[in-house]
Protein backbone atom coordinates (compact mmCIF):
# COMPACT_ATOMS: atom_id res chain seq x y z
CA MET A 1 0.00 0.00 0.00
CA ARG A 2 2.90 2.38 0.64
CA ILE A 3 4.25 1.92 -2.87
CA LEU A 4 0.84 2.74 -4.36
CA THR A 5 0.69 5.91 -2.27
CA ILE A 6 4.15 6.96 -3.44
CA ILE A 7 3.25 6.29 -7.08
CA VAL A 8 0.03 8.32 -6.77
CA LEU A 9 1.93 11.22 -5.18
CA ILE A 10 4.56 11.16 -7.94
CA VAL A 11 1.88 11.16 -10.66
CA LEU A 12 0.04 14.06 -9.00
CA ALA A 13 3.28 16.00 -8.66
CA LEU A 14 4.02 15.47 -12.36
CA LEU A 15 0.51 16.56 -13.35
CA ILE A 16 0.98 19.79 -11.44
CA LEU A 17 4.67 20.47 -12.05
CA LEU A 18 4.93 19.77 -15.80
CA PRO A 19 2.94 22.86 -16.87
CA ILE A 20 4.87 25.02 -14.40
CA LEU A 21 8.28 23.71 -15.47
CA SER A 22 7.43 24.09 -19.16
CA GLY A 23 6.62 27.76 -18.64
CA ASN A 24 2.98 27.56 -19.73
CA ALA A 25 1.57 28.10 -16.25
CA SER A 26 3.48 30.76 -14.38
CA ILE A 27 3.14 30.73 -10.62
CA PRO A 28 0.95 33.66 -9.50
CA GLU A 29 2.83 36.43 -7.71
CA ASN A 30 -0.23 37.60 -5.81
CA ILE A 31 -3.73 36.30 -5.19
CA SER A 32 -5.66 38.33 -7.72
CA ALA A 33 -8.29 37.04 -10.09
CA VAL A 34 -6.18 37.92 -13.13
CA GLU A 35 -3.08 36.10 -11.85
CA ILE A 36 -5.06 33.01 -10.86
CA GLY A 37 -6.81 33.08 -14.24
CA HIS A 38 -3.51 33.18 -16.10
CA PHE A 39 -2.23 30.26 -14.01
CA VAL A 40 -5.33 28.12 -14.56
CA GLY A 41 -5.46 29.07 -18.24
CA GLY A 42 -1.82 28.11 -18.76
CA PHE A 43 -2.37 24.90 -16.86
CA GLY A 44 -5.36 23.97 -19.01
CA ARG A 45 -3.66 25.07 -22.24
CA TYR A 46 -0.68 22.82 -21.48
CA TRP A 47 -2.82 19.73 -20.97
CA VAL A 48 -5.00 20.45 -24.01
CA ASP A 49 -1.89 20.81 -26.18
CA ALA A 50 -0.34 17.68 -24.67
CA THR A 51 -3.53 15.71 -25.34
CA LYS A 52 -3.62 16.95 -28.95
CA VAL A 53 -0.02 15.85 -29.48
CA VAL A 54 -0.70 12.40 -28.03
CA PHE A 55 -3.80 11.83 -30.15
CA SER A 56 -2.15 13.15 -33.32
CA HIS A 57 0.57 10.52 -32.96
CA LEU A 58 -1.86 7.63 -32.59
């Protein structure tokens, strides 16, 4: 059960960190609606683009 927990935590960390590390989702500097919107938009845009790339190669 511990290994499953570690694997789930690693997958969640990758899902969150990949858009940030790629530069698509910049970490908000303050807690304003615009900054949060840019972060969520970049996060979503990264995963939409990644999904398009995966399905175009199938």
